[in-house]
Amino acid sequence: MSRWLSKSYHDFVKSVGQIFRGVEEKTVRTRTTKGQYKADDKSTPNINEAYKTVEVKKKRKRGRSRKKR
């Protein structure tokens, strides 16, 4: 990240890009190649290896809403 641009600017640009592409960020558990959950490495206190952030497509409502009686 550039020092001359603030973090809030980068967050804004990232969120606009996500809205344009129709995705959102979601935090999920990391899995090994066998499919088991990966544990957090205690030797790195600032980084959590057990979770990762992925982009998923937003679910959109389809069809018309029902008419209320």
N, C-alpha and C. Protein backbone atom coordinates (compact mmCIF):
# COMPACT_ATOMS: atom_id res chain seq x y z
N MET A 1 0.85 -1.17 0.00
CA MET A 1 0.00 0.00 0.00
C MET A 1 0.90 1.23 0.00
N SER A 2 0.47 2.19 -0.75
CA SER A 2 1.24 3.43 -0.83
C SER A 2 1.09 4.23 0.45
N ARG A 3 2.14 4.91 0.83
CA ARG A 3 2.10 5.71 2.05
C ARG A 3 1.31 6.99 1.86
N TRP A 4 1.24 7.50 0.65
CA TRP A 4 0.60 8.79 0.43
C TRP A 4 -0.92 8.67 0.31
N LEU A 5 -1.45 7.46 0.15
CA LEU A 5 -2.90 7.27 0.12
C LEU A 5 -3.34 6.65 1.45
N SER A 6 -4.43 7.15 1.98
CA SER A 6 -4.89 6.65 3.27
C SER A 6 -5.54 5.28 3.12
N LYS A 7 -5.62 4.58 4.23
CA LYS A 7 -6.22 3.25 4.22
C LYS A 7 -7.72 3.34 3.90
N SER A 8 -8.37 4.39 4.37
CA SER A 8 -9.80 4.51 4.10
C SER A 8 -10.08 4.66 2.61
N TYR A 9 -9.19 5.31 1.88
CA TYR A 9 -9.35 5.43 0.43
C TYR A 9 -9.28 4.05 -0.23
N HIS A 10 -8.31 3.22 0.19
CA HIS A 10 -8.18 1.88 -0.37
C HIS A 10 -9.39 1.03 -0.03
N ASP A 11 -9.90 1.16 1.19
CA ASP A 11 -11.10 0.43 1.57
C ASP A 11 -12.30 0.86 0.73
N PHE A 12 -12.41 2.15 0.46
CA PHE A 12 -13.50 2.66 -0.37
C PHE A 12 -13.42 2.11 -1.79
N VAL A 13 -12.24 2.13 -2.38
CA VAL A 13 -12.06 1.63 -3.74
C VAL A 13 -12.37 0.14 -3.79
N LYS A 14 -11.95 -0.59 -2.78
CA LYS A 14 -12.20 -2.03 -2.72
C LYS A 14 -13.70 -2.32 -2.63
N SER A 15 -14.42 -1.55 -1.79
CA SER A 15 -15.85 -1.78 -1.63
C SER A 15 -16.62 -1.43 -2.90
N VAL A 16 -16.20 -0.37 -3.60
CA VAL A 16 -16.86 0.00 -4.86
C VAL A 16 -16.64 -1.10 -5.89
N GLY A 17 -15.45 -1.66 -5.94
CA GLY A 17 -15.17 -2.76 -6.86
C GLY A 17 -16.01 -3.98 -6.56
N GLN A 18 -16.21 -4.26 -5.27
CA GLN A 18 -17.02 -5.41 -4.89
C GLN A 18 -18.48 -5.19 -5.26
N ILE A 19 -18.99 -3.98 -5.08
CA ILE A 19 -20.37 -3.68 -5.45
C ILE A 19 -20.54 -3.82 -6.96
N PHE A 20 -19.57 -3.33 -7.72
CA PHE A 20 -19.64 -3.40 -9.18
C PHE A 20 -19.63 -4.84 -9.67
N ARG A 21 -18.80 -5.69 -9.05
CA ARG A 21 -18.71 -7.09 -9.46
C ARG A 21 -19.78 -7.97 -8.84
N GLY A 22 -20.48 -7.48 -7.82
CA GLY A 22 -21.54 -8.25 -7.18
C GLY A 22 -21.02 -9.31 -6.23
N VAL A 23 -19.92 -9.02 -5.52
CA VAL A 23 -19.35 -9.97 -4.57
C VAL A 23 -19.24 -9.30 -3.20
N GLU A 24 -19.04 -10.13 -2.17
CA GLU A 24 -18.80 -9.63 -0.83
C GLU A 24 -17.73 -10.50 -0.17
N GLU A 25 -17.04 -9.97 0.82
CA GLU A 25 -16.01 -10.73 1.52
C GLU A 25 -16.63 -11.50 2.67
N LYS A 26 -16.12 -12.72 2.87
CA LYS A 26 -16.61 -13.56 3.95
C LYS A 26 -15.41 -14.28 4.56
N THR A 27 -15.39 -14.38 5.89
CA THR A 27 -14.31 -15.06 6.58
C THR A 27 -14.71 -16.51 6.82
N VAL A 28 -13.88 -17.45 6.36
CA VAL A 28 -14.18 -18.88 6.49
C VAL A 28 -12.97 -19.60 7.08
N ARG A 29 -13.22 -20.78 7.63
CA ARG A 29 -12.13 -21.59 8.17
C ARG A 29 -11.27 -22.15 7.05
N THR A 30 -9.97 -22.17 7.28
CA THR A 30 -9.03 -22.72 6.31
C THR A 30 -9.00 -24.23 6.46
N ARG A 31 -8.89 -24.93 5.35
CA ARG A 31 -8.83 -26.38 5.37
C ARG A 31 -7.52 -26.86 4.75
N THR A 32 -7.08 -28.05 5.19
CA THR A 32 -5.88 -28.68 4.64
C THR A 32 -6.25 -29.38 3.34
N THR A 33 -5.26 -30.02 2.71
CA THR A 33 -5.54 -30.73 1.46
C THR A 33 -6.43 -31.94 1.70
N LYS A 34 -6.46 -32.48 2.92
CA LYS A 34 -7.32 -33.61 3.26
C LYS A 34 -8.74 -33.17 3.60
N GLY A 35 -8.94 -31.86 3.74
CA GLY A 35 -10.27 -31.36 4.05
C GLY A 35 -10.50 -31.09 5.53
N GLN A 36 -9.48 -31.29 6.36
CA GLN A 36 -9.61 -31.04 7.78
C GLN A 36 -9.31 -29.58 8.07
N TYR A 37 -9.85 -29.07 9.20
CA TYR A 37 -9.58 -27.68 9.58
C TYR A 37 -8.11 -27.50 9.92
N LYS A 38 -7.57 -26.36 9.53
CA LYS A 38 -6.18 -26.03 9.81
C LYS A 38 -6.11 -25.27 11.13
N ALA A 39 -5.15 -25.60 11.97
CA ALA A 39 -5.01 -24.96 13.27
C ALA A 39 -4.22 -23.66 13.15
N ASP A 40 -4.39 -22.79 14.13
CA ASP A 40 -3.67 -21.53 14.18
C ASP A 40 -2.26 -21.78 14.69
N ASP A 41 -1.27 -21.13 14.08
CA ASP A 41 0.12 -21.24 14.51
C ASP A 41 0.34 -20.25 15.65
N LYS A 42 0.64 -20.75 16.86
CA LYS A 42 0.79 -19.90 18.04
C LYS A 42 2.07 -19.06 18.02
N SER A 43 3.05 -19.41 17.15
CA SER A 43 4.29 -18.64 17.09
C SER A 43 4.12 -17.31 16.36
N THR A 44 3.00 -17.14 15.67
CA THR A 44 2.71 -15.88 14.98
C THR A 44 1.46 -15.27 15.60
N PRO A 45 1.61 -14.43 16.63
CA PRO A 45 0.44 -13.91 17.34
C PRO A 45 -0.38 -12.90 16.53
N ASN A 46 0.20 -12.24 15.55
CA ASN A 46 -0.52 -11.21 14.79
C ASN A 46 -1.32 -11.76 13.61
N ILE A 47 -1.02 -13.00 13.21
CA ILE A 47 -1.66 -13.59 12.03
C ILE A 47 -2.42 -14.84 12.46
N ASN A 48 -3.67 -14.95 12.01
CA ASN A 48 -4.47 -16.12 12.32
C ASN A 48 -4.57 -17.00 11.07
N GLU A 49 -3.85 -18.11 11.06
CA GLU A 49 -3.84 -19.00 9.90
C GLU A 49 -5.08 -19.87 9.82
N ALA A 50 -5.88 -19.92 10.87
CA ALA A 50 -7.06 -20.78 10.89
C ALA A 50 -8.20 -20.20 10.06
N TYR A 51 -8.17 -18.92 9.76
CA TYR A 51 -9.23 -18.29 8.98
C TYR A 51 -8.64 -17.56 7.78
N LYS A 52 -9.42 -17.49 6.71
CA LYS A 52 -9.01 -16.73 5.53
C LYS A 52 -10.23 -15.98 5.00
N THR A 53 -9.99 -14.93 4.26
CA THR A 53 -11.06 -14.12 3.69
C THR A 53 -11.21 -14.48 2.21
N VAL A 54 -12.44 -14.80 1.82
CA VAL A 54 -12.72 -15.14 0.43
C VAL A 54 -13.83 -14.24 -0.09
N GLU A 55 -13.90 -14.10 -1.41
CA GLU A 55 -14.97 -13.33 -2.03
C GLU A 55 -16.02 -14.30 -2.54
N VAL A 56 -17.27 -14.05 -2.17
CA VAL A 56 -18.39 -14.88 -2.62
C VAL A 56 -19.39 -13.99 -3.33
N LYS A 57 -20.12 -14.58 -4.27
CA LYS A 57 -21.14 -13.82 -4.99
C LYS A 57 -22.29 -13.51 -4.06
N LYS A 58 -22.85 -12.33 -4.20
CA LYS A 58 -24.01 -11.94 -3.41
C LYS A 58 -25.23 -12.67 -3.94
N LYS A 59 -26.08 -13.11 -3.01
CA LYS A 59 -27.32 -13.73 -3.40
C LYS A 59 -28.34 -12.63 -3.66
N ARG A 60 -29.02 -12.74 -4.78
CA ARG A 60 -30.00 -11.73 -5.15
C ARG A 60 -31.38 -12.33 -5.08
N LYS A 61 -32.34 -11.52 -4.67
CA LYS A 61 -33.72 -11.97 -4.64
C LYS A 61 -34.22 -12.09 -6.08
N ARG A 62 -34.96 -13.11 -6.33
CA ARG A 62 -35.51 -13.34 -7.67
C ARG A 62 -37.03 -13.35 -7.60
N GLY A 63 -37.64 -12.93 -8.66
CA GLY A 63 -39.08 -12.98 -8.76
C GLY A 63 -39.77 -11.84 -8.03
N ARG A 64 -41.09 -11.88 -8.06
CA ARG A 64 -41.88 -10.82 -7.44
C ARG A 64 -42.28 -11.24 -6.03
N SER A 65 -42.49 -10.27 -5.17
CA SER A 65 -42.97 -10.57 -3.84
C SER A 65 -44.45 -10.87 -3.89
N ARG A 66 -44.92 -11.65 -2.94
CA ARG A 66 -46.33 -12.02 -2.92
C ARG A 66 -47.18 -10.85 -2.45
N LYS A 67 -48.39 -10.82 -2.96
CA LYS A 67 -49.31 -9.76 -2.61
C LYS A 67 -49.91 -10.05 -1.23
N LYS A 68 -49.89 -9.04 -0.36
CA LYS A 68 -50.45 -9.21 0.99
C LYS A 68 -51.97 -9.13 0.92
N ARG A 69 -52.63 -9.91 1.74
CA ARG A 69 -54.10 -9.89 1.79
C ARG A 69 -54.61 -8.98 2.84
